[in-house]
């Protein structure tokens, strides 16, 4: 289980355990703010380092060490 704080996610580096569309290394490019400002944060947008493609995921998925490793491994 990765320790992740939603307030400190912006510009953090992540490695996918299983590559997503041939991309393995990602950066949290955007923290998507909830529509009502007092609602909890749910989504982040990851940007692939090499292809620059973007993927929107629930930030809690980053806690799953079976899917993601913190940093670029």
Protein backbone atom coordinates (compact mmCIF):
# COMPACT_ATOMS: atom_id res chain seq x y z
CA UNK A 1 0.00 0.00 0.00
CA UNK A 2 1.51 3.33 -1.10
CA UNK A 3 1.13 6.23 1.31
CA UNK A 4 -0.51 9.05 -0.62
CA UNK A 5 -1.86 12.40 0.51
CA UNK A 6 -4.33 13.96 -1.96
CA UNK A 7 -3.10 17.46 -1.07
CA UNK A 8 0.47 16.64 -2.15
CA UNK A 9 -0.17 14.76 -5.39
CA UNK A 10 0.53 17.49 -7.94
CA UNK A 11 3.75 16.82 -9.92
CA UNK A 12 4.50 13.53 -8.14
CA UNK A 13 6.10 10.74 -10.18
CA UNK A 14 4.60 7.25 -10.62
CA UNK A 15 5.51 4.00 -12.35
CA UNK A 16 2.80 1.67 -13.62
CA UNK A 17 3.40 -1.96 -12.66
CA UNK A 18 1.69 -2.98 -15.93
CA UNK A 19 2.32 -0.44 -18.75
CA UNK A 20 -0.70 1.57 -19.93
CA UNK A 21 -0.72 1.81 -23.73
CA UNK A 22 3.05 1.18 -23.77
CA UNK A 23 3.68 3.94 -21.20
CA UNK A 24 5.22 3.13 -17.84
CA UNK A 25 6.33 6.43 -16.26
CA UNK A 26 3.82 9.12 -15.33
CA UNK A 27 3.57 12.50 -13.66
CA UNK A 28 0.48 13.82 -11.88
CA UNK A 29 -0.18 16.76 -14.21
CA UNK A 30 -3.53 17.93 -12.83
CA UNK A 31 -5.44 17.50 -9.61
CA UNK A 32 -9.07 17.82 -10.68
CA UNK A 33 -10.92 19.92 -8.13
CA UNK A 34 -14.41 18.71 -7.20
CA UNK A 35 -17.38 20.73 -8.41
CA UNK A 36 -18.64 21.71 -4.96
CA UNK A 37 -15.41 22.97 -3.33
CA UNK A 38 -16.14 21.26 -0.02
CA UNK A 39 -16.47 17.80 -1.65
CA UNK A 40 -13.55 15.39 -1.34
CA UNK A 41 -10.97 15.13 -4.10
CA UNK A 42 -11.58 12.13 -6.38
CA UNK A 43 -9.71 12.50 -9.69
CA UNK A 44 -6.21 13.23 -10.96
CA UNK A 45 -4.85 13.37 -14.46
CA UNK A 46 -1.63 11.51 -15.18
CA UNK A 47 0.63 12.49 -18.07
CA UNK A 48 2.86 9.87 -19.67
CA UNK A 49 6.46 11.06 -19.78
CA UNK A 50 7.35 9.84 -23.27
CA UNK A 51 4.11 9.98 -25.27
CA UNK A 52 2.57 12.95 -23.38
CA UNK A 53 -0.81 11.17 -23.41
CA UNK A 54 -3.10 11.86 -20.45
CA UNK A 55 -5.13 9.44 -18.35
CA UNK A 56 -7.77 10.38 -15.79
CA UNK A 57 -7.88 8.07 -12.77
CA UNK A 58 -9.25 8.08 -9.24
CA UNK A 59 -6.41 9.26 -7.00
CA UNK A 60 -7.03 6.35 -4.60
CA UNK A 61 -5.82 3.94 -7.29
CA UNK A 62 -2.32 5.29 -6.66
CA UNK A 63 -2.48 3.75 -3.17
CA UNK A 64 -2.63 0.26 -4.69
CA UNK A 65 0.95 -1.01 -4.84
CA UNK A 66 -0.16 -3.85 -7.14
CA UNK A 67 -0.88 -1.20 -9.81
CA UNK A 68 1.47 1.71 -9.05
CA UNK A 69 4.93 2.35 -7.59
CA UNK A 70 5.82 5.79 -6.28
CA UNK A 71 8.70 7.40 -8.16
CA UNK A 72 10.24 6.25 -11.42
CA UNK A 73 11.49 2.73 -10.95
